Amino acid sequence: MALRAERKLTEAEALLFVEPNFGTAAVLRPDGSPHQTVVWVDWDGERPLFNTAEGRAKLEYLRRDPRVSLLVVDRHDPWRWVSVSGTADLVEEGAEESIHRLGRRYRGWDRYPLKPGEKRVIVRIRVERVTAYRV
């Protein structure tokens, strides 16, 4: 698989990942078919990301094939959106803090209600392509 140059998002594009907008993450199953899930999104100042947990299908699929796509739609204007695709870096360090921050942003929780023994993972996307509308 040839690597493409990483593409930086514009400030306006990145802002959609900072606001509490929902995203749809798409990864590939072993048979090549798409697997999509709704996720909370974030921006770390360089890359878009989302958070998941050990045992989830999307994490298993990303470990096998790191290609990922993430579509974020403005919660106030569904005609304003940005879609990124690229490859995923899976990061365990800081993942629990990340899900607590996302819980505050999306639900107003002081702490995300982790299940006993739950291990979180950050999916940071090395963006190779961006498609945006009205951004």
N, C-alpha and C. Protein backbone atom coordinates (compact mmCIF):
# COMPACT_ATOMS: atom_id res chain seq x y z
N MET A 1 0.85 -1.16 0.00
CA MET A 1 0.00 0.00 0.00
C MET A 1 0.91 1.23 0.00
N ALA A 2 0.81 2.07 -1.02
CA ALA A 2 1.63 3.27 -1.13
C ALA A 2 1.10 4.35 -0.19
N LEU A 3 2.00 5.01 0.50
CA LEU A 3 1.60 6.09 1.39
C LEU A 3 1.45 7.38 0.59
N ARG A 4 0.43 8.14 0.94
CA ARG A 4 0.22 9.45 0.32
C ARG A 4 0.68 10.51 1.28
N ALA A 5 0.91 11.69 0.76
CA ALA A 5 1.32 12.81 1.61
C ALA A 5 0.17 13.17 2.55
N GLU A 6 0.54 13.48 3.78
CA GLU A 6 -0.48 13.88 4.76
C GLU A 6 -1.01 15.25 4.38
N ARG A 7 -2.30 15.46 4.52
CA ARG A 7 -2.96 16.70 4.17
C ARG A 7 -3.40 17.40 5.45
N LYS A 8 -3.01 18.65 5.62
CA LYS A 8 -3.43 19.43 6.80
C LYS A 8 -4.82 19.99 6.56
N LEU A 9 -5.65 19.99 7.59
CA LEU A 9 -6.97 20.57 7.49
C LEU A 9 -6.88 22.08 7.68
N THR A 10 -7.80 22.79 7.05
CA THR A 10 -7.90 24.23 7.28
C THR A 10 -8.47 24.45 8.67
N GLU A 11 -8.37 25.65 9.17
CA GLU A 11 -8.93 25.96 10.50
C GLU A 11 -10.44 25.72 10.52
N ALA A 12 -11.14 26.11 9.45
CA ALA A 12 -12.59 25.92 9.38
C ALA A 12 -12.95 24.43 9.35
N GLU A 13 -12.18 23.63 8.62
CA GLU A 13 -12.43 22.19 8.58
C GLU A 13 -12.19 21.57 9.95
N ALA A 14 -11.10 21.94 10.59
CA ALA A 14 -10.76 21.39 11.90
C ALA A 14 -11.80 21.74 12.95
N LEU A 15 -12.41 22.92 12.83
CA LEU A 15 -13.39 23.37 13.82
C LEU A 15 -14.57 22.41 13.93
N LEU A 16 -14.93 21.75 12.84
CA LEU A 16 -16.04 20.79 12.90
C LEU A 16 -15.72 19.62 13.82
N PHE A 17 -14.43 19.33 14.02
CA PHE A 17 -14.02 18.23 14.92
C PHE A 17 -13.92 18.69 16.38
N VAL A 18 -13.88 20.00 16.59
CA VAL A 18 -13.77 20.56 17.93
C VAL A 18 -15.15 20.75 18.56
N GLU A 19 -16.11 21.11 17.73
CA GLU A 19 -17.48 21.30 18.20
C GLU A 19 -18.11 19.93 18.45
N PRO A 20 -19.16 19.87 19.26
CA PRO A 20 -19.77 18.55 19.55
C PRO A 20 -20.64 18.03 18.40
N ASN A 21 -20.00 17.80 17.27
CA ASN A 21 -20.66 17.21 16.11
C ASN A 21 -20.38 15.71 16.10
N PHE A 22 -21.36 14.95 15.65
CA PHE A 22 -21.16 13.51 15.56
C PHE A 22 -20.47 13.17 14.25
N GLY A 23 -19.71 12.08 14.29
CA GLY A 23 -19.03 11.60 13.10
C GLY A 23 -19.47 10.19 12.79
N THR A 24 -19.21 9.78 11.56
CA THR A 24 -19.40 8.40 11.15
C THR A 24 -18.06 7.87 10.69
N ALA A 25 -17.54 6.90 11.42
CA ALA A 25 -16.26 6.29 11.09
C ALA A 25 -16.51 5.06 10.23
N ALA A 26 -15.73 4.93 9.17
CA ALA A 26 -15.83 3.76 8.30
C ALA A 26 -14.47 3.07 8.25
N VAL A 27 -14.48 1.77 8.50
CA VAL A 27 -13.28 0.93 8.42
C VAL A 27 -13.64 -0.27 7.55
N LEU A 28 -12.65 -1.12 7.28
CA LEU A 28 -12.90 -2.25 6.39
C LEU A 28 -12.90 -3.58 7.16
N ARG A 29 -13.95 -4.35 6.94
CA ARG A 29 -14.00 -5.71 7.47
C ARG A 29 -13.01 -6.58 6.71
N PRO A 30 -12.68 -7.77 7.24
CA PRO A 30 -11.75 -8.66 6.54
C PRO A 30 -12.19 -9.02 5.12
N ASP A 31 -13.50 -9.03 4.85
CA ASP A 31 -13.96 -9.35 3.50
C ASP A 31 -13.97 -8.13 2.58
N GLY A 32 -13.51 -6.97 3.09
CA GLY A 32 -13.44 -5.75 2.29
C GLY A 32 -14.67 -4.89 2.33
N SER A 33 -15.73 -5.36 2.97
CA SER A 33 -16.95 -4.56 3.06
C SER A 33 -16.80 -3.49 4.14
N PRO A 34 -17.51 -2.37 4.01
CA PRO A 34 -17.37 -1.29 4.99
C PRO A 34 -18.12 -1.59 6.29
N HIS A 35 -17.55 -1.14 7.38
CA HIS A 35 -18.14 -1.21 8.71
C HIS A 35 -18.21 0.23 9.20
N GLN A 36 -19.40 0.75 9.47
CA GLN A 36 -19.57 2.15 9.88
C GLN A 36 -20.18 2.23 11.26
N THR A 37 -19.70 3.20 12.04
CA THR A 37 -20.26 3.46 13.35
C THR A 37 -20.26 4.96 13.62
N VAL A 38 -21.23 5.40 14.40
CA VAL A 38 -21.30 6.79 14.83
C VAL A 38 -20.34 6.96 16.01
N VAL A 39 -19.54 8.03 15.97
CA VAL A 39 -18.53 8.26 17.01
C VAL A 39 -18.52 9.72 17.44
N TRP A 40 -18.02 9.95 18.65
CA TRP A 40 -17.70 11.30 19.10
C TRP A 40 -16.34 11.63 18.50
N VAL A 41 -16.17 12.85 18.00
CA VAL A 41 -14.93 13.23 17.34
C VAL A 41 -14.18 14.29 18.13
N ASP A 42 -12.90 14.44 17.81
CA ASP A 42 -12.06 15.44 18.47
C ASP A 42 -10.96 15.85 17.51
N TRP A 43 -10.21 16.85 17.91
CA TRP A 43 -9.10 17.39 17.14
C TRP A 43 -7.98 17.65 18.13
N ASP A 44 -6.78 17.14 17.87
CA ASP A 44 -5.68 17.32 18.82
C ASP A 44 -4.72 18.45 18.44
N GLY A 45 -5.15 19.28 17.50
CA GLY A 45 -4.32 20.38 17.04
C GLY A 45 -3.56 20.05 15.77
N GLU A 46 -3.49 18.76 15.44
CA GLU A 46 -2.82 18.30 14.23
C GLU A 46 -3.67 17.36 13.40
N ARG A 47 -4.40 16.48 14.11
CA ARG A 47 -5.15 15.43 13.41
C ARG A 47 -6.54 15.25 14.02
N PRO A 48 -7.50 14.82 13.17
CA PRO A 48 -8.80 14.42 13.71
C PRO A 48 -8.67 13.07 14.38
N LEU A 49 -9.55 12.82 15.34
CA LEU A 49 -9.50 11.56 16.06
C LEU A 49 -10.85 11.18 16.61
N PHE A 50 -10.95 9.94 17.00
CA PHE A 50 -12.10 9.47 17.78
C PHE A 50 -11.57 8.45 18.77
N ASN A 51 -12.40 8.06 19.70
CA ASN A 51 -12.00 7.19 20.79
C ASN A 51 -12.85 5.93 20.72
N THR A 52 -12.23 4.79 20.98
CA THR A 52 -12.97 3.53 20.99
C THR A 52 -12.44 2.67 22.13
N ALA A 53 -12.94 1.47 22.24
CA ALA A 53 -12.54 0.59 23.35
C ALA A 53 -12.08 -0.76 22.83
N GLU A 54 -11.20 -1.38 23.60
CA GLU A 54 -10.77 -2.75 23.30
C GLU A 54 -12.02 -3.63 23.21
N GLY A 55 -11.99 -4.56 22.26
CA GLY A 55 -13.11 -5.47 22.09
C GLY A 55 -14.10 -5.02 21.05
N ARG A 56 -14.00 -3.78 20.59
CA ARG A 56 -14.92 -3.28 19.57
C ARG A 56 -14.45 -3.76 18.19
N ALA A 57 -15.41 -4.05 17.33
CA ALA A 57 -15.09 -4.55 16.00
C ALA A 57 -14.22 -3.58 15.21
N LYS A 58 -14.54 -2.28 15.28
CA LYS A 58 -13.77 -1.33 14.47
C LYS A 58 -12.30 -1.33 14.85
N LEU A 59 -11.99 -1.53 16.12
CA LEU A 59 -10.60 -1.56 16.55
C LEU A 59 -9.90 -2.81 16.01
N GLU A 60 -10.58 -3.93 16.06
CA GLU A 60 -10.04 -5.18 15.49
C GLU A 60 -9.76 -5.00 14.00
N TYR A 61 -10.71 -4.39 13.29
CA TYR A 61 -10.54 -4.19 11.86
C TYR A 61 -9.40 -3.22 11.56
N LEU A 62 -9.26 -2.17 12.36
CA LEU A 62 -8.18 -1.20 12.15
C LEU A 62 -6.81 -1.81 12.40
N ARG A 63 -6.72 -2.73 13.32
CA ARG A 63 -5.44 -3.41 13.57
C ARG A 63 -5.03 -4.26 12.37
N ARG A 64 -6.01 -4.79 11.68
CA ARG A 64 -5.74 -5.61 10.50
C ARG A 64 -5.45 -4.73 9.28
N ASP A 65 -6.22 -3.63 9.14
CA ASP A 65 -6.09 -2.73 7.99
C ASP A 65 -6.36 -1.31 8.51
N PRO A 66 -5.35 -0.45 8.58
CA PRO A 66 -5.49 0.86 9.21
C PRO A 66 -6.21 1.92 8.38
N ARG A 67 -6.71 1.57 7.21
CA ARG A 67 -7.43 2.56 6.41
C ARG A 67 -8.75 2.93 7.09
N VAL A 68 -9.03 4.24 7.12
CA VAL A 68 -10.20 4.74 7.83
C VAL A 68 -10.72 5.98 7.14
N SER A 69 -12.01 6.18 7.25
CA SER A 69 -12.66 7.40 6.78
C SER A 69 -13.54 7.91 7.91
N LEU A 70 -13.64 9.23 8.02
CA LEU A 70 -14.45 9.84 9.07
C LEU A 70 -15.20 11.03 8.49
N LEU A 71 -16.51 10.98 8.55
CA LEU A 71 -17.39 12.04 8.08
C LEU A 71 -17.99 12.75 9.28
N VAL A 72 -17.85 14.08 9.32
CA VAL A 72 -18.42 14.87 10.41
C VAL A 72 -19.39 15.88 9.80
N VAL A 73 -20.61 15.92 10.36
CA VAL A 73 -21.66 16.81 9.87
C VAL A 73 -21.96 17.85 10.95
N ASP A 74 -22.03 19.10 10.55
CA ASP A 74 -22.36 20.20 11.47
C ASP A 74 -23.74 19.95 12.07
N ARG A 75 -23.83 19.93 13.37
CA ARG A 75 -25.09 19.63 14.06
C ARG A 75 -26.16 20.69 13.80
N HIS A 76 -25.77 21.91 13.40
CA HIS A 76 -26.73 22.98 13.13
C HIS A 76 -27.07 23.12 11.66
N ASP A 77 -26.25 22.56 10.78
CA ASP A 77 -26.44 22.70 9.34
C ASP A 77 -25.96 21.42 8.65
N PRO A 78 -26.87 20.49 8.37
CA PRO A 78 -26.45 19.21 7.80
C PRO A 78 -25.85 19.31 6.40
N TRP A 79 -25.93 20.48 5.78
CA TRP A 79 -25.30 20.68 4.48
C TRP A 79 -23.86 21.16 4.63
N ARG A 80 -23.38 21.30 5.85
CA ARG A 80 -22.00 21.71 6.12
C ARG A 80 -21.28 20.50 6.74
N TRP A 81 -20.31 19.96 6.03
CA TRP A 81 -19.66 18.74 6.50
C TRP A 81 -18.24 18.66 5.97
N VAL A 82 -17.47 17.78 6.60
CA VAL A 82 -16.11 17.47 6.13
C VAL A 82 -15.89 15.97 6.29
N SER A 83 -15.26 15.38 5.28
CA SER A 83 -14.93 13.97 5.29
C SER A 83 -13.42 13.83 5.11
N VAL A 84 -12.80 13.06 5.98
CA VAL A 84 -11.37 12.80 5.86
C VAL A 84 -11.16 11.30 5.69
N SER A 85 -10.12 10.96 4.96
CA SER A 85 -9.73 9.55 4.88
C SER A 85 -8.21 9.47 4.92
N GLY A 86 -7.74 8.36 5.41
CA GLY A 86 -6.31 8.16 5.54
C GLY A 86 -6.04 6.88 6.30
N THR A 87 -5.00 6.93 7.12
CA THR A 87 -4.64 5.75 7.91
C THR A 87 -4.67 6.09 9.39
N ALA A 88 -4.98 5.09 10.18
CA ALA A 88 -5.14 5.27 11.62
C ALA A 88 -3.87 4.93 12.37
N ASP A 89 -3.56 5.77 13.35
CA ASP A 89 -2.57 5.45 14.37
C ASP A 89 -3.36 5.16 15.63
N LEU A 90 -3.11 4.02 16.26
CA LEU A 90 -3.83 3.63 17.47
C LEU A 90 -2.97 3.98 18.68
N VAL A 91 -3.53 4.80 19.57
CA VAL A 91 -2.77 5.35 20.69
C VAL A 91 -3.49 5.02 22.00
N GLU A 92 -2.79 4.32 22.89
CA GLU A 92 -3.38 4.00 24.19
C GLU A 92 -3.12 5.11 25.21
N GLU A 93 -1.94 5.74 25.12
CA GLU A 93 -1.57 6.79 26.07
C GLU A 93 -2.54 7.97 25.96
N GLY A 94 -3.14 8.35 27.09
CA GLY A 94 -4.06 9.48 27.13
C GLY A 94 -5.48 9.15 26.70
N ALA A 95 -5.75 7.88 26.37
CA ALA A 95 -7.07 7.51 25.85
C ALA A 95 -8.18 7.66 26.90
N GLU A 96 -7.87 7.33 28.15
CA GLU A 96 -8.90 7.47 29.19
C GLU A 96 -9.22 8.95 29.41
N GLU A 97 -8.21 9.80 29.45
CA GLU A 97 -8.45 11.24 29.59
C GLU A 97 -9.25 11.76 28.41
N SER A 98 -8.95 11.24 27.22
CA SER A 98 -9.66 11.64 26.00
C SER A 98 -11.14 11.33 26.09
N ILE A 99 -11.51 10.13 26.54
CA ILE A 99 -12.93 9.78 26.59
C ILE A 99 -13.65 10.59 27.68
N HIS A 100 -12.96 10.94 28.75
CA HIS A 100 -13.59 11.80 29.77
C HIS A 100 -13.86 13.19 29.19
N ARG A 101 -12.90 13.72 28.42
CA ARG A 101 -13.07 15.03 27.78
C ARG A 101 -14.25 14.99 26.79
N LEU A 102 -14.33 13.92 26.01
CA LEU A 102 -15.43 13.79 25.07
C LEU A 102 -16.77 13.64 25.79
N GLY A 103 -16.78 12.93 26.90
CA GLY A 103 -18.00 12.80 27.70
C GLY A 103 -18.50 14.15 28.21
N ARG A 104 -17.55 15.01 28.61
CA ARG A 104 -17.94 16.37 29.04
C ARG A 104 -18.51 17.15 27.87
N ARG A 105 -17.86 17.07 26.72
CA ARG A 105 -18.29 17.84 25.54
C ARG A 105 -19.66 17.39 25.04
N TYR A 106 -19.87 16.10 24.93
CA TYR A 106 -21.09 15.58 24.31
C TYR A 106 -22.24 15.36 25.28
N ARG A 107 -21.92 15.03 26.53
CA ARG A 107 -22.99 14.68 27.48
C ARG A 107 -23.00 15.53 28.75
N GLY A 108 -21.96 16.33 28.97
CA GLY A 108 -21.90 17.13 30.18
C GLY A 108 -21.48 16.34 31.41
N TRP A 109 -20.91 15.15 31.22
CA TRP A 109 -20.48 14.31 32.33
C TRP A 109 -19.14 14.79 32.87
N ASP A 110 -18.95 14.70 34.17
CA ASP A 110 -17.64 14.97 34.74
C ASP A 110 -16.66 13.88 34.32
N ARG A 111 -17.16 12.65 34.32
CA ARG A 111 -16.33 11.51 33.93
C ARG A 111 -17.18 10.56 33.09
N TYR A 112 -16.57 10.02 32.03
CA TYR A 112 -17.23 9.01 31.23
C TYR A 112 -17.39 7.75 32.09
N PRO A 113 -18.55 7.10 32.05
CA PRO A 113 -18.77 5.91 32.89
C PRO A 113 -18.09 4.66 32.34
N LEU A 114 -16.80 4.55 32.59
CA LEU A 114 -16.05 3.38 32.13
C LEU A 114 -16.56 2.11 32.80
N LYS A 115 -16.59 1.03 32.04
CA LYS A 115 -16.93 -0.27 32.60
C LYS A 115 -15.70 -0.81 33.32
N PRO A 116 -15.87 -1.66 34.32
CA PRO A 116 -14.71 -2.24 35.01
C PRO A 116 -13.75 -2.90 34.02
N GLY A 117 -12.50 -2.51 34.07
CA GLY A 117 -11.48 -3.09 33.21
C GLY A 117 -11.47 -2.56 31.78
N GLU A 118 -12.35 -1.62 31.46
CA GLU A 118 -12.42 -1.09 30.09
C GLU A 118 -11.14 -0.36 29.72
N LYS A 119 -10.59 -0.69 28.57
CA LYS A 119 -9.39 -0.02 28.06
C LYS A 119 -9.77 0.76 26.81
N ARG A 120 -9.42 2.04 26.81
CA ARG A 120 -9.75 2.92 25.70
C ARG A 120 -8.56 3.08 24.76
N VAL A 121 -8.85 3.41 23.52
CA VAL A 121 -7.84 3.62 22.50
C VAL A 121 -8.24 4.84 21.66
N ILE A 122 -7.28 5.72 21.40
CA ILE A 122 -7.50 6.86 20.52
C ILE A 122 -7.15 6.44 19.11
N VAL A 123 -8.02 6.77 18.17
CA VAL A 123 -7.76 6.54 16.75
C VAL A 123 -7.44 7.91 16.13
N ARG A 124 -6.14 8.17 15.90
CA ARG A 124 -5.68 9.43 15.28
C ARG A 124 -5.54 9.16 13.78
N ILE A 125 -6.08 10.06 12.98
CA ILE A 125 -6.08 9.84 11.54
C ILE A 125 -5.02 10.67 10.85
N ARG A 126 -4.12 9.98 10.13
CA ARG A 126 -3.17 10.65 9.23
C ARG A 126 -3.94 10.92 7.95
N VAL A 127 -4.39 12.17 7.81
CA VAL A 127 -5.29 12.54 6.73
C VAL A 127 -4.55 12.57 5.40
N GLU A 128 -5.09 11.85 4.43
CA GLU A 128 -4.54 11.84 3.08
C GLU A 128 -5.48 12.53 2.09
N ARG A 129 -6.78 12.49 2.38
CA ARG A 129 -7.77 13.13 1.51
C ARG A 129 -8.80 13.85 2.36
N VAL A 130 -9.25 14.98 1.85
CA VAL A 130 -10.31 15.76 2.50
C VAL A 130 -11.33 16.15 1.44
N THR A 131 -12.60 15.94 1.77
CA THR A 131 -13.70 16.44 0.96
C THR A 131 -14.58 17.23 1.92
N ALA A 132 -14.93 18.45 1.53
CA ALA A 132 -15.73 19.29 2.43
C ALA A 132 -16.78 20.03 1.62
N TYR A 133 -17.87 20.36 2.29
CA TYR A 133 -18.94 21.12 1.65
C TYR A 133 -19.37 22.24 2.59
N ARG A 134 -19.40 23.45 2.04
CA ARG A 134 -19.81 24.67 2.76
C ARG A 134 -18.96 24.92 4.00
N VAL A 135 -17.72 24.53 3.96
CA VAL A 135 -16.80 24.77 5.09
C VAL A 135 -15.80 25.83 4.66
